[in-house]
Amino acid sequence: MKQVQAKANTPADGDYGTATTDAVRAYQSSHSLEVDGIAGPRTMASMGIARELGGGTPGGESGGTPTVPPLDGSVRDKIVQAARSQLGVHEWGNNCNPYGPCEAWCALFASWAWRQAGVNFSTAFSGDFYYYGRNHGTLHSGLSNPQPGDAIVFGTGPQSTSTSVHVGLIEKAYADGTVDTIEGNSSDQVIRHHFSPAARGAYAIISPAGS
C-alpha cells in the first residue's frame, strides 16, 4: 500500500482513503489506464510494484490446514505431488477452503501448490500468474510447451477478474497438444481435467521460477 501511495505522490501512511483513491485516479489518468481509483494489476504493473496477494499461510481465514505427504524430486515434481494430494478436497460454506480466505480460490490453490515446492508466490487473483511470468521471464510464448507444474490461466487477459477467470496446474502434457490439469474451485472442489488449452480458452501458460 505504501509503495502505491509513493508512486501516486500521496503521503505513504498505509491508509487507502479518499486522498489515496484520488491520487491513484490521477496517476491512472496520466498513464492512459482505466480511471477507477483502484490499484489493480495493470496499475501496479505500470507502477513497477510486484503484486502478491491472497492467503500467505495454509488455512488462512477459512480454517483448516491441507494435509500434504512428503514431497520429493524437482520443483515441478513437488508441485504436481502437492496438487494431486488435494484431489477431492471440497469447499464448504461460501467458497471457504483450506488454502486461504473464503473467496474464489482457484488461484489460492494453485499458488499454495507452488509454495509447497519452494516457489515464493501467493495470490488470490489468477491474472497475477501472468504478471509473475512476465516479471520472472517464465511466460510461455502463446500456449507453447506446457510442462508439469506450470500454471495455465483462462480468459482473455490478466487485466481484471472479469478477463482472467480461472487458473489450474498442468499435471501432464501430451504429444497431441492436450493436457491434464489439477484445478481448485472447479465444481467447488479440487478436480482433474483433460483438454486442449486453446479450445478451452486459456490465454497463458507460466512456469515457476527455478524449474
N, C-alpha and C. Protein backbone atom coordinates (compact mmCIF):
# COMPACT_ATOMS: atom_id res chain seq x y z
N MET A 1 0.83 -1.20 0.00
CA MET A 1 0.00 0.00 0.00
C MET A 1 0.87 1.26 0.00
N LYS A 2 1.89 1.26 0.84
CA LYS A 2 2.76 2.43 0.91
C LYS A 2 3.53 2.64 -0.39
N GLN A 3 3.88 1.55 -1.07
CA GLN A 3 4.55 1.68 -2.36
C GLN A 3 3.63 2.33 -3.39
N VAL A 4 2.37 1.92 -3.39
CA VAL A 4 1.38 2.52 -4.29
C VAL A 4 1.25 4.01 -4.00
N GLN A 5 1.14 4.35 -2.73
CA GLN A 5 0.99 5.76 -2.37
C GLN A 5 2.20 6.58 -2.80
N ALA A 6 3.39 6.01 -2.63
CA ALA A 6 4.60 6.73 -3.03
C ALA A 6 4.60 7.00 -4.53
N LYS A 7 4.21 5.99 -5.32
CA LYS A 7 4.17 6.15 -6.78
C LYS A 7 3.09 7.14 -7.20
N ALA A 8 2.02 7.22 -6.41
CA ALA A 8 0.91 8.11 -6.74
C ALA A 8 1.09 9.51 -6.15
N ASN A 9 2.24 9.74 -5.52
CA ASN A 9 2.56 11.06 -4.95
C ASN A 9 1.55 11.53 -3.90
N THR A 10 1.27 10.62 -2.96
CA THR A 10 0.42 10.97 -1.82
C THR A 10 1.10 10.42 -0.56
N PRO A 11 0.85 10.99 0.62
CA PRO A 11 1.53 10.52 1.82
C PRO A 11 1.41 9.01 2.03
N ALA A 12 2.54 8.37 2.26
CA ALA A 12 2.59 6.90 2.39
C ALA A 12 2.28 6.50 3.82
N ASP A 13 0.98 6.55 4.16
CA ASP A 13 0.57 6.23 5.53
C ASP A 13 -0.10 4.85 5.64
N GLY A 14 -0.22 4.13 4.52
CA GLY A 14 -0.81 2.80 4.56
C GLY A 14 -2.32 2.78 4.62
N ASP A 15 -2.97 3.93 4.54
CA ASP A 15 -4.43 4.03 4.62
C ASP A 15 -4.99 4.33 3.23
N TYR A 16 -5.77 3.39 2.69
CA TYR A 16 -6.32 3.59 1.34
C TYR A 16 -7.63 4.37 1.46
N GLY A 17 -7.48 5.65 1.79
CA GLY A 17 -8.65 6.51 1.94
C GLY A 17 -8.92 7.35 0.70
N THR A 18 -9.69 8.41 0.88
CA THR A 18 -10.10 9.27 -0.24
C THR A 18 -8.89 9.89 -0.93
N ALA A 19 -7.91 10.36 -0.14
CA ALA A 19 -6.75 11.02 -0.73
C ALA A 19 -5.98 10.05 -1.63
N THR A 20 -5.84 8.79 -1.18
CA THR A 20 -5.13 7.79 -1.99
C THR A 20 -5.92 7.45 -3.24
N THR A 21 -7.24 7.29 -3.08
CA THR A 21 -8.08 6.98 -4.24
C THR A 21 -7.96 8.07 -5.30
N ASP A 22 -8.01 9.33 -4.87
CA ASP A 22 -7.89 10.45 -5.81
C ASP A 22 -6.51 10.47 -6.46
N ALA A 23 -5.47 10.16 -5.67
CA ALA A 23 -4.11 10.16 -6.22
C ALA A 23 -3.93 9.03 -7.24
N VAL A 24 -4.52 7.88 -6.95
CA VAL A 24 -4.43 6.76 -7.90
C VAL A 24 -5.19 7.09 -9.17
N ARG A 25 -6.34 7.75 -9.04
CA ARG A 25 -7.09 8.18 -10.23
C ARG A 25 -6.24 9.12 -11.10
N ALA A 26 -5.56 10.05 -10.46
CA ALA A 26 -4.73 10.99 -11.20
C ALA A 26 -3.59 10.26 -11.90
N TYR A 27 -2.99 9.30 -11.20
CA TYR A 27 -1.91 8.51 -11.81
C TYR A 27 -2.44 7.74 -13.03
N GLN A 28 -3.60 7.09 -12.86
CA GLN A 28 -4.17 6.32 -13.95
C GLN A 28 -4.47 7.20 -15.16
N SER A 29 -5.02 8.35 -14.90
CA SER A 29 -5.35 9.27 -15.99
C SER A 29 -4.11 9.69 -16.76
N SER A 30 -3.02 9.95 -16.05
CA SER A 30 -1.80 10.42 -16.71
C SER A 30 -1.01 9.30 -17.37
N HIS A 31 -1.40 8.03 -17.10
CA HIS A 31 -0.68 6.90 -17.69
C HIS A 31 -1.58 6.06 -18.61
N SER A 32 -2.68 6.66 -19.07
CA SER A 32 -3.59 6.03 -20.03
C SER A 32 -4.13 4.68 -19.53
N LEU A 33 -4.46 4.63 -18.24
CA LEU A 33 -5.05 3.45 -17.63
C LEU A 33 -6.53 3.70 -17.36
N GLU A 34 -7.27 2.62 -17.12
CA GLU A 34 -8.66 2.78 -16.71
C GLU A 34 -8.70 3.56 -15.40
N VAL A 35 -9.49 4.63 -15.35
CA VAL A 35 -9.51 5.50 -14.18
C VAL A 35 -10.63 5.05 -13.24
N ASP A 36 -10.25 4.23 -12.23
CA ASP A 36 -11.22 3.76 -11.26
C ASP A 36 -10.75 3.96 -9.82
N GLY A 37 -9.53 4.47 -9.63
CA GLY A 37 -9.03 4.70 -8.29
C GLY A 37 -8.59 3.45 -7.55
N ILE A 38 -8.59 2.30 -8.25
CA ILE A 38 -8.23 1.03 -7.63
C ILE A 38 -6.84 0.62 -8.12
N ALA A 39 -5.96 0.31 -7.20
CA ALA A 39 -4.61 -0.13 -7.58
C ALA A 39 -4.65 -1.61 -7.92
N GLY A 40 -5.23 -1.91 -9.09
CA GLY A 40 -5.34 -3.29 -9.54
C GLY A 40 -4.08 -3.74 -10.27
N PRO A 41 -4.13 -4.93 -10.91
CA PRO A 41 -2.94 -5.50 -11.55
C PRO A 41 -2.28 -4.59 -12.57
N ARG A 42 -3.06 -3.96 -13.48
CA ARG A 42 -2.47 -3.13 -14.52
C ARG A 42 -1.84 -1.86 -13.93
N THR A 43 -2.52 -1.28 -12.96
CA THR A 43 -1.97 -0.06 -12.34
C THR A 43 -0.68 -0.36 -11.60
N MET A 44 -0.67 -1.44 -10.83
CA MET A 44 0.53 -1.79 -10.07
C MET A 44 1.67 -2.19 -11.01
N ALA A 45 1.33 -2.87 -12.11
CA ALA A 45 2.37 -3.22 -13.09
C ALA A 45 2.97 -1.96 -13.69
N SER A 46 2.12 -0.98 -13.99
CA SER A 46 2.62 0.29 -14.52
C SER A 46 3.52 1.00 -13.51
N MET A 47 3.20 0.84 -12.24
CA MET A 47 3.99 1.46 -11.18
C MET A 47 5.28 0.70 -10.89
N GLY A 48 5.39 -0.51 -11.46
CA GLY A 48 6.58 -1.31 -11.22
C GLY A 48 6.59 -1.97 -9.86
N ILE A 49 5.39 -2.25 -9.32
CA ILE A 49 5.27 -2.85 -7.99
C ILE A 49 4.84 -4.30 -8.14
N ALA A 50 5.57 -5.23 -7.51
CA ALA A 50 5.21 -6.64 -7.53
C ALA A 50 3.90 -6.83 -6.78
N ARG A 51 3.01 -7.59 -7.39
CA ARG A 51 1.68 -7.79 -6.80
C ARG A 51 1.56 -9.23 -6.33
N GLU A 52 1.57 -9.44 -5.02
CA GLU A 52 1.42 -10.77 -4.45
C GLU A 52 0.35 -10.70 -3.37
N LEU A 53 -0.75 -11.41 -3.64
CA LEU A 53 -1.94 -11.30 -2.79
C LEU A 53 -2.36 -12.65 -2.27
N GLY A 54 -3.37 -12.62 -1.39
CA GLY A 54 -4.02 -13.86 -1.01
C GLY A 54 -3.54 -14.40 0.31
N GLY A 55 -3.98 -15.63 0.63
CA GLY A 55 -3.63 -16.26 1.89
C GLY A 55 -2.16 -16.61 1.92
N GLY A 56 -1.41 -15.96 2.77
CA GLY A 56 0.02 -16.19 2.83
C GLY A 56 0.40 -17.44 3.54
N THR A 57 -0.51 -17.99 4.38
CA THR A 57 -0.22 -19.22 5.10
C THR A 57 -1.33 -20.20 4.86
N PRO A 58 -1.04 -21.51 4.83
CA PRO A 58 -2.09 -22.50 4.64
C PRO A 58 -3.19 -22.32 5.67
N GLY A 59 -4.42 -22.44 5.24
CA GLY A 59 -5.53 -22.29 6.15
C GLY A 59 -6.15 -20.91 6.06
N GLY A 60 -5.34 -19.87 6.13
CA GLY A 60 -5.85 -18.51 6.02
C GLY A 60 -7.03 -18.26 6.94
N GLU A 61 -8.01 -17.48 6.47
CA GLU A 61 -9.15 -17.12 7.28
C GLU A 61 -10.23 -18.20 7.28
N SER A 62 -10.17 -19.13 6.32
CA SER A 62 -11.22 -20.13 6.23
C SER A 62 -11.11 -21.18 7.31
N GLY A 63 -9.89 -21.45 7.75
CA GLY A 63 -9.67 -22.51 8.71
C GLY A 63 -9.28 -23.79 8.01
N GLY A 64 -8.73 -24.71 8.77
CA GLY A 64 -8.30 -25.98 8.18
C GLY A 64 -6.91 -25.87 7.62
N THR A 65 -6.21 -26.96 7.59
CA THR A 65 -4.86 -27.00 7.06
C THR A 65 -4.74 -28.17 6.10
N PRO A 66 -4.29 -27.96 4.87
CA PRO A 66 -4.15 -29.07 3.93
C PRO A 66 -3.17 -30.12 4.46
N THR A 67 -3.49 -31.37 4.27
CA THR A 67 -2.58 -32.45 4.60
C THR A 67 -1.74 -32.78 3.38
N VAL A 68 -0.43 -32.68 3.51
CA VAL A 68 0.47 -32.88 2.37
C VAL A 68 1.45 -34.01 2.69
N PRO A 69 1.56 -35.01 1.82
CA PRO A 69 2.53 -36.07 2.04
C PRO A 69 3.94 -35.56 1.80
N PRO A 70 4.97 -36.30 2.20
CA PRO A 70 6.34 -35.89 1.87
C PRO A 70 6.50 -35.74 0.36
N LEU A 71 7.15 -34.67 -0.06
CA LEU A 71 7.35 -34.39 -1.47
C LEU A 71 8.81 -34.57 -1.82
N ASP A 72 9.08 -35.08 -3.03
CA ASP A 72 10.47 -35.22 -3.45
C ASP A 72 10.61 -34.99 -4.93
N GLY A 73 11.84 -34.88 -5.38
CA GLY A 73 12.10 -34.64 -6.80
C GLY A 73 12.32 -33.17 -7.09
N SER A 74 12.07 -32.80 -8.34
CA SER A 74 12.29 -31.43 -8.80
C SER A 74 11.17 -30.51 -8.31
N VAL A 75 11.31 -29.21 -8.58
CA VAL A 75 10.26 -28.25 -8.26
C VAL A 75 8.96 -28.67 -8.93
N ARG A 76 9.05 -29.05 -10.20
CA ARG A 76 7.85 -29.46 -10.94
C ARG A 76 7.22 -30.71 -10.31
N ASP A 77 8.06 -31.68 -9.96
CA ASP A 77 7.56 -32.91 -9.33
C ASP A 77 6.80 -32.59 -8.05
N LYS A 78 7.37 -31.70 -7.23
CA LYS A 78 6.75 -31.38 -5.95
C LYS A 78 5.43 -30.65 -6.13
N ILE A 79 5.35 -29.76 -7.12
CA ILE A 79 4.09 -29.06 -7.38
C ILE A 79 3.00 -30.07 -7.74
N VAL A 80 3.32 -30.98 -8.65
CA VAL A 80 2.33 -31.96 -9.08
C VAL A 80 1.94 -32.87 -7.92
N GLN A 81 2.91 -33.31 -7.13
CA GLN A 81 2.60 -34.17 -6.00
C GLN A 81 1.70 -33.46 -4.99
N ALA A 82 2.01 -32.19 -4.71
CA ALA A 82 1.17 -31.42 -3.78
C ALA A 82 -0.25 -31.28 -4.31
N ALA A 83 -0.38 -30.96 -5.60
CA ALA A 83 -1.70 -30.79 -6.20
C ALA A 83 -2.48 -32.10 -6.18
N ARG A 84 -1.83 -33.20 -6.54
CA ARG A 84 -2.51 -34.50 -6.54
C ARG A 84 -3.01 -34.87 -5.16
N SER A 85 -2.25 -34.49 -4.14
CA SER A 85 -2.63 -34.86 -2.78
C SER A 85 -3.94 -34.20 -2.34
N GLN A 86 -4.36 -33.17 -3.08
CA GLN A 86 -5.58 -32.44 -2.71
C GLN A 86 -6.80 -32.82 -3.54
N LEU A 87 -6.65 -33.73 -4.50
CA LEU A 87 -7.79 -34.13 -5.33
C LEU A 87 -8.95 -34.59 -4.44
N GLY A 88 -10.12 -34.04 -4.72
CA GLY A 88 -11.30 -34.39 -3.95
C GLY A 88 -11.60 -33.46 -2.80
N VAL A 89 -10.65 -32.57 -2.44
CA VAL A 89 -10.93 -31.58 -1.39
C VAL A 89 -12.06 -30.67 -1.87
N HIS A 90 -13.06 -30.49 -1.04
CA HIS A 90 -14.27 -29.75 -1.42
C HIS A 90 -14.42 -28.52 -0.54
N GLU A 91 -14.89 -27.43 -1.13
CA GLU A 91 -15.14 -26.22 -0.35
C GLU A 91 -16.32 -26.43 0.59
N TRP A 92 -16.47 -25.51 1.55
CA TRP A 92 -17.62 -25.54 2.43
C TRP A 92 -18.11 -24.11 2.61
N GLY A 93 -19.34 -23.97 3.07
CA GLY A 93 -19.88 -22.63 3.26
C GLY A 93 -19.88 -21.87 1.95
N ASN A 94 -19.53 -20.59 2.02
CA ASN A 94 -19.49 -19.73 0.83
C ASN A 94 -18.05 -19.60 0.36
N ASN A 95 -17.59 -20.54 -0.47
CA ASN A 95 -16.24 -20.53 -1.03
C ASN A 95 -15.16 -20.69 0.03
N CYS A 96 -15.47 -21.25 1.20
CA CYS A 96 -14.44 -21.48 2.21
C CYS A 96 -13.60 -22.68 1.81
N ASN A 97 -12.30 -22.59 2.06
CA ASN A 97 -11.35 -23.58 1.56
C ASN A 97 -10.13 -23.59 2.47
N PRO A 98 -9.30 -24.64 2.41
CA PRO A 98 -8.14 -24.69 3.31
C PRO A 98 -6.91 -23.95 2.82
N TYR A 99 -7.02 -23.21 1.72
CA TYR A 99 -5.84 -22.57 1.12
C TYR A 99 -5.79 -21.06 1.34
N GLY A 100 -6.84 -20.48 1.91
CA GLY A 100 -6.89 -19.05 2.11
C GLY A 100 -8.27 -18.60 2.54
N PRO A 101 -8.59 -17.32 2.37
CA PRO A 101 -9.89 -16.79 2.81
C PRO A 101 -11.06 -17.39 2.06
N CYS A 102 -12.26 -17.14 2.58
CA CYS A 102 -13.50 -17.61 1.95
C CYS A 102 -13.80 -16.71 0.74
N GLU A 103 -13.27 -17.10 -0.41
CA GLU A 103 -13.44 -16.34 -1.65
C GLU A 103 -13.11 -17.28 -2.81
N ALA A 104 -13.33 -16.82 -4.03
CA ALA A 104 -12.94 -17.61 -5.20
C ALA A 104 -11.50 -18.08 -5.01
N TRP A 105 -11.25 -19.37 -5.09
CA TRP A 105 -9.98 -19.89 -4.56
C TRP A 105 -9.13 -20.69 -5.54
N CYS A 106 -9.39 -20.61 -6.84
CA CYS A 106 -8.55 -21.34 -7.79
C CYS A 106 -7.10 -20.87 -7.72
N ALA A 107 -6.89 -19.55 -7.62
CA ALA A 107 -5.53 -19.01 -7.56
C ALA A 107 -4.89 -19.26 -6.20
N LEU A 108 -5.71 -19.24 -5.14
CA LEU A 108 -5.19 -19.59 -3.82
C LEU A 108 -4.63 -21.01 -3.83
N PHE A 109 -5.38 -21.93 -4.44
CA PHE A 109 -4.92 -23.32 -4.51
C PHE A 109 -3.66 -23.45 -5.35
N ALA A 110 -3.66 -22.86 -6.54
CA ALA A 110 -2.52 -23.00 -7.44
C ALA A 110 -1.25 -22.41 -6.84
N SER A 111 -1.36 -21.22 -6.23
CA SER A 111 -0.16 -20.62 -5.64
C SER A 111 0.26 -21.37 -4.37
N TRP A 112 -0.71 -21.94 -3.65
CA TRP A 112 -0.39 -22.79 -2.50
C TRP A 112 0.47 -23.98 -2.94
N ALA A 113 0.07 -24.64 -4.05
CA ALA A 113 0.84 -25.79 -4.54
C ALA A 113 2.25 -25.38 -4.95
N TRP A 114 2.38 -24.22 -5.58
CA TRP A 114 3.71 -23.72 -5.93
C TRP A 114 4.55 -23.52 -4.67
N ARG A 115 3.95 -22.96 -3.62
CA ARG A 115 4.72 -22.71 -2.40
C ARG A 115 5.20 -24.00 -1.74
N GLN A 116 4.44 -25.09 -1.90
CA GLN A 116 4.88 -26.36 -1.32
C GLN A 116 6.19 -26.83 -1.93
N ALA A 117 6.47 -26.36 -3.16
CA ALA A 117 7.72 -26.71 -3.85
C ALA A 117 8.78 -25.65 -3.66
N GLY A 118 8.52 -24.66 -2.81
CA GLY A 118 9.52 -23.64 -2.51
C GLY A 118 9.44 -22.40 -3.37
N VAL A 119 8.38 -22.26 -4.18
CA VAL A 119 8.22 -21.07 -5.02
C VAL A 119 7.56 -19.97 -4.20
N ASN A 120 8.23 -18.85 -4.06
CA ASN A 120 7.75 -17.77 -3.21
C ASN A 120 6.72 -16.93 -3.95
N PHE A 121 5.47 -17.39 -3.94
CA PHE A 121 4.42 -16.68 -4.66
C PHE A 121 3.09 -17.01 -4.01
N SER A 122 2.29 -15.98 -3.77
CA SER A 122 0.98 -16.14 -3.15
C SER A 122 0.02 -15.15 -3.76
N THR A 123 -1.13 -15.62 -4.23
CA THR A 123 -2.09 -14.71 -4.84
C THR A 123 -3.50 -15.29 -4.78
N ALA A 124 -4.47 -14.38 -4.79
CA ALA A 124 -5.87 -14.77 -4.88
C ALA A 124 -6.45 -14.46 -6.26
N PHE A 125 -5.64 -13.93 -7.17
CA PHE A 125 -6.12 -13.50 -8.49
C PHE A 125 -5.37 -14.24 -9.59
N SER A 126 -6.10 -14.91 -10.45
CA SER A 126 -5.47 -15.73 -11.49
C SER A 126 -4.57 -14.91 -12.41
N GLY A 127 -4.94 -13.67 -12.70
CA GLY A 127 -4.14 -12.84 -13.59
C GLY A 127 -2.76 -12.53 -13.07
N ASP A 128 -2.57 -12.63 -11.75
CA ASP A 128 -1.25 -12.38 -11.19
C ASP A 128 -0.23 -13.41 -11.64
N PHE A 129 -0.66 -14.61 -12.03
CA PHE A 129 0.28 -15.58 -12.57
C PHE A 129 0.92 -15.05 -13.86
N TYR A 130 0.11 -14.39 -14.68
CA TYR A 130 0.65 -13.80 -15.92
C TYR A 130 1.75 -12.79 -15.59
N TYR A 131 1.47 -11.89 -14.64
CA TYR A 131 2.46 -10.87 -14.28
C TYR A 131 3.69 -11.51 -13.63
N TYR A 132 3.48 -12.57 -12.86
CA TYR A 132 4.62 -13.30 -12.30
C TYR A 132 5.51 -13.82 -13.42
N GLY A 133 4.89 -14.45 -14.42
CA GLY A 133 5.66 -14.98 -15.54
C GLY A 133 6.39 -13.90 -16.32
N ARG A 134 5.72 -12.78 -16.52
CA ARG A 134 6.36 -11.67 -17.23
C ARG A 134 7.54 -11.13 -16.44
N ASN A 135 7.37 -11.01 -15.13
CA ASN A 135 8.43 -10.44 -14.30
C ASN A 135 9.60 -11.39 -14.10
N HIS A 136 9.35 -12.69 -14.16
CA HIS A 136 10.40 -13.68 -13.91
C HIS A 136 10.93 -14.33 -15.19
N GLY A 137 10.42 -13.92 -16.34
CA GLY A 137 10.90 -14.49 -17.60
C GLY A 137 10.44 -15.92 -17.82
N THR A 138 9.29 -16.29 -17.24
CA THR A 138 8.80 -17.67 -17.37
C THR A 138 7.46 -17.75 -18.08
N LEU A 139 7.06 -16.65 -18.73
CA LEU A 139 5.82 -16.63 -19.50
C LEU A 139 6.07 -17.30 -20.84
N HIS A 140 5.29 -18.33 -21.16
CA HIS A 140 5.49 -19.05 -22.41
C HIS A 140 5.04 -18.19 -23.59
N SER A 141 5.59 -18.50 -24.74
CA SER A 141 5.17 -17.85 -25.98
C SER A 141 3.85 -18.47 -26.42
N GLY A 142 2.79 -17.69 -26.40
CA GLY A 142 1.48 -18.25 -26.69
C GLY A 142 1.13 -19.31 -25.65
N LEU A 143 0.68 -20.46 -26.14
CA LEU A 143 0.37 -21.58 -25.25
C LEU A 143 1.34 -22.72 -25.50
N SER A 144 2.58 -22.37 -25.87
CA SER A 144 3.55 -23.37 -26.28
C SER A 144 4.18 -24.09 -25.09
N ASN A 145 4.64 -25.31 -25.35
CA ASN A 145 5.49 -26.07 -24.45
C ASN A 145 4.97 -26.19 -23.02
N PRO A 146 3.73 -26.63 -22.83
CA PRO A 146 3.25 -26.84 -21.46
C PRO A 146 4.03 -27.96 -20.78
N GLN A 147 4.29 -27.79 -19.49
CA GLN A 147 5.03 -28.78 -18.73
C GLN A 147 4.39 -28.97 -17.36
N PRO A 148 4.58 -30.15 -16.76
CA PRO A 148 4.03 -30.38 -15.42
C PRO A 148 4.48 -29.31 -14.43
N GLY A 149 3.54 -28.85 -13.62
CA GLY A 149 3.83 -27.82 -12.64
C GLY A 149 3.56 -26.41 -13.11
N ASP A 150 3.41 -26.23 -14.44
CA ASP A 150 3.09 -24.90 -14.97
C ASP A 150 1.67 -24.50 -14.57
N ALA A 151 1.46 -23.19 -14.46
CA ALA A 151 0.12 -22.66 -14.29
C ALA A 151 -0.47 -22.36 -15.66
N ILE A 152 -1.76 -22.62 -15.82
CA ILE A 152 -2.45 -22.31 -17.07
C ILE A 152 -3.65 -21.44 -16.72
N VAL A 153 -3.75 -20.27 -17.38
CA VAL A 153 -4.72 -19.25 -16.99
C VAL A 153 -5.75 -19.09 -18.10
N PHE A 154 -7.01 -18.91 -17.70
CA PHE A 154 -8.12 -18.89 -18.65
C PHE A 154 -8.80 -17.52 -18.68
N GLY A 155 -9.30 -17.17 -19.87
CA GLY A 155 -9.98 -15.90 -20.08
C GLY A 155 -9.41 -15.20 -21.29
N THR A 156 -9.39 -13.88 -21.24
CA THR A 156 -8.90 -13.10 -22.37
C THR A 156 -7.67 -12.27 -22.04
N GLY A 157 -7.29 -12.19 -20.78
CA GLY A 157 -6.12 -11.41 -20.40
C GLY A 157 -6.09 -11.17 -18.90
N PRO A 158 -4.98 -10.64 -18.40
CA PRO A 158 -4.79 -10.51 -16.95
C PRO A 158 -5.32 -9.23 -16.32
N GLN A 159 -6.08 -8.45 -17.06
CA GLN A 159 -6.41 -7.11 -16.60
C GLN A 159 -7.29 -7.08 -15.34
N SER A 160 -8.24 -7.99 -15.24
CA SER A 160 -9.19 -7.94 -14.12
C SER A 160 -9.81 -9.32 -13.92
N THR A 161 -10.61 -9.43 -12.87
CA THR A 161 -11.28 -10.71 -12.60
C THR A 161 -12.32 -11.05 -13.66
N SER A 162 -12.75 -10.07 -14.43
CA SER A 162 -13.71 -10.36 -15.50
C SER A 162 -13.02 -10.85 -16.77
N THR A 163 -11.72 -10.59 -16.91
CA THR A 163 -10.99 -11.06 -18.08
C THR A 163 -10.10 -12.26 -17.78
N SER A 164 -9.66 -12.39 -16.54
CA SER A 164 -8.87 -13.55 -16.12
C SER A 164 -9.72 -14.31 -15.12
N VAL A 165 -10.29 -15.43 -15.56
CA VAL A 165 -11.40 -16.01 -14.80
C VAL A 165 -11.05 -17.28 -14.04
N HIS A 166 -9.88 -17.89 -14.33
CA HIS A 166 -9.60 -19.17 -13.67
C HIS A 166 -8.14 -19.54 -13.92
N VAL A 167 -7.58 -20.37 -13.03
CA VAL A 167 -6.22 -20.89 -13.22
C VAL A 167 -6.17 -22.32 -12.70
N GLY A 168 -5.40 -23.15 -13.40
CA GLY A 168 -5.16 -24.52 -12.97
C GLY A 168 -3.68 -24.84 -13.07
N LEU A 169 -3.32 -26.04 -12.68
CA LEU A 169 -1.94 -26.50 -12.75
C LEU A 169 -1.83 -27.68 -13.70
N ILE A 170 -0.85 -27.64 -14.58
CA ILE A 170 -0.66 -28.73 -15.53
C ILE A 170 -0.04 -29.93 -14.83
N GLU A 171 -0.70 -31.06 -14.95
CA GLU A 171 -0.21 -32.31 -14.37
C GLU A 171 0.59 -33.10 -15.39
N LYS A 172 0.11 -33.11 -16.64
CA LYS A 172 0.78 -33.87 -17.69
C LYS A 172 0.48 -33.24 -19.04
N ALA A 173 1.47 -33.22 -19.92
CA ALA A 173 1.29 -32.71 -21.28
C ALA A 173 1.48 -33.85 -22.27
N TYR A 174 0.65 -33.87 -23.32
CA TYR A 174 0.66 -34.96 -24.30
C TYR A 174 1.17 -34.45 -25.65
N ALA A 175 1.63 -35.40 -26.47
CA ALA A 175 2.20 -35.05 -27.77
C ALA A 175 1.18 -34.41 -28.70
N ASP A 176 -0.11 -34.71 -28.50
CA ASP A 176 -1.14 -34.13 -29.37
C ASP A 176 -1.54 -32.72 -28.96
N GLY A 177 -0.88 -32.15 -27.94
CA GLY A 177 -1.16 -30.79 -27.50
C GLY A 177 -2.15 -30.67 -26.37
N THR A 178 -2.78 -31.79 -25.99
CA THR A 178 -3.71 -31.75 -24.87
C THR A 178 -2.95 -31.86 -23.55
N VAL A 179 -3.62 -31.50 -22.48
CA VAL A 179 -3.01 -31.56 -21.15
C VAL A 179 -3.99 -32.12 -20.14
N ASP A 180 -3.44 -32.68 -19.07
CA ASP A 180 -4.21 -32.95 -17.86
C ASP A 180 -3.89 -31.83 -16.87
N THR A 181 -4.91 -31.33 -16.19
CA THR A 181 -4.69 -30.31 -15.18
C THR A 181 -5.33 -30.75 -13.86
N ILE A 182 -4.84 -30.14 -12.79
CA ILE A 182 -5.49 -30.24 -11.49
C ILE A 182 -5.86 -28.82 -11.10
N GLU A 183 -7.15 -28.62 -10.79
CA GLU A 183 -7.66 -27.26 -10.59
C GLU A 183 -8.48 -27.17 -9.32
N GLY A 184 -8.23 -26.11 -8.56
CA GLY A 184 -9.06 -25.81 -7.41
C GLY A 184 -10.26 -24.97 -7.80
N ASN A 185 -11.30 -25.02 -6.96
CA ASN A 185 -12.52 -24.26 -7.20
C ASN A 185 -13.12 -24.57 -8.56
N SER A 186 -13.04 -25.81 -8.95
CA SER A 186 -13.69 -26.29 -10.18
C SER A 186 -14.78 -27.26 -9.74
N SER A 187 -16.03 -26.91 -10.01
CA SER A 187 -17.17 -27.64 -9.45
C SER A 187 -17.06 -27.71 -7.93
N ASP A 188 -16.57 -26.62 -7.34
CA ASP A 188 -16.46 -26.44 -5.88
C ASP A 188 -15.46 -27.39 -5.22
N GLN A 189 -14.51 -27.90 -5.98
CA GLN A 189 -13.56 -28.83 -5.41
C GLN A 189 -12.25 -28.82 -6.19
N VAL A 190 -11.28 -29.63 -5.73
CA VAL A 190 -10.05 -29.85 -6.48
C VAL A 190 -10.29 -31.06 -7.37
N ILE A 191 -10.13 -30.86 -8.67
CA ILE A 191 -10.53 -31.88 -9.64
C ILE A 191 -9.57 -31.90 -10.81
N ARG A 192 -9.53 -33.00 -11.52
CA ARG A 192 -8.66 -33.16 -12.70
C ARG A 192 -9.48 -32.95 -13.98
N HIS A 193 -8.83 -32.31 -14.98
CA HIS A 193 -9.44 -32.10 -16.30
C HIS A 193 -8.47 -32.52 -17.39
N HIS A 194 -9.00 -32.89 -18.55
CA HIS A 194 -8.20 -33.18 -19.75
C HIS A 194 -8.78 -32.38 -20.90
N PHE A 195 -7.93 -31.61 -21.63
CA PHE A 195 -8.45 -30.73 -22.67
C PHE A 195 -7.31 -30.17 -23.53
N SER A 196 -7.72 -29.49 -24.61
CA SER A 196 -6.80 -28.70 -25.42
C SER A 196 -6.81 -27.28 -24.89
N PRO A 197 -5.66 -26.71 -24.52
CA PRO A 197 -5.65 -25.37 -23.93
C PRO A 197 -6.35 -24.30 -24.76
N ALA A 198 -6.10 -24.26 -26.05
CA ALA A 198 -6.71 -23.23 -26.88
C ALA A 198 -8.23 -23.42 -26.96
N ALA A 199 -8.66 -24.66 -27.07
CA ALA A 199 -10.09 -24.93 -27.21
C ALA A 199 -10.87 -24.56 -25.95
N ARG A 200 -10.21 -24.61 -24.80
CA ARG A 200 -10.91 -24.29 -23.55
C ARG A 200 -10.80 -22.82 -23.18
N GLY A 201 -10.04 -22.04 -23.94
CA GLY A 201 -9.99 -20.62 -23.68
C GLY A 201 -8.86 -20.19 -22.76
N ALA A 202 -7.76 -20.93 -22.78
CA ALA A 202 -6.59 -20.49 -22.00
C ALA A 202 -5.92 -19.32 -22.72
N TYR A 203 -5.35 -18.40 -21.95
CA TYR A 203 -4.63 -17.28 -22.59
C TYR A 203 -3.15 -17.24 -22.23
N ALA A 204 -2.71 -18.03 -21.25
CA ALA A 204 -1.29 -18.01 -20.91
C ALA A 204 -0.89 -19.26 -20.15
N ILE A 205 0.36 -19.65 -20.32
CA ILE A 205 0.98 -20.71 -19.53
C ILE A 205 2.24 -20.11 -18.90
N ILE A 206 2.42 -20.38 -17.62
CA ILE A 206 3.51 -19.77 -16.86
C ILE A 206 4.25 -20.84 -16.07
N SER A 207 5.57 -20.86 -16.17
CA SER A 207 6.38 -21.79 -15.39
C SER A 207 6.80 -21.15 -14.08
N PRO A 208 6.96 -21.95 -13.02
CA PRO A 208 7.52 -21.40 -11.79
C PRO A 208 9.00 -21.12 -11.95
N ALA A 209 9.47 -20.04 -11.39
CA ALA A 209 10.89 -19.72 -11.45
C ALA A 209 11.70 -20.81 -10.76
N GLY A 210 12.84 -21.14 -11.33
CA GLY A 210 13.71 -22.15 -10.74
C GLY A 210 13.39 -23.56 -11.15
N SER A 211 12.45 -23.70 -12.09
CA SER A 211 12.08 -25.06 -12.52
C SER A 211 12.85 -25.50 -13.75
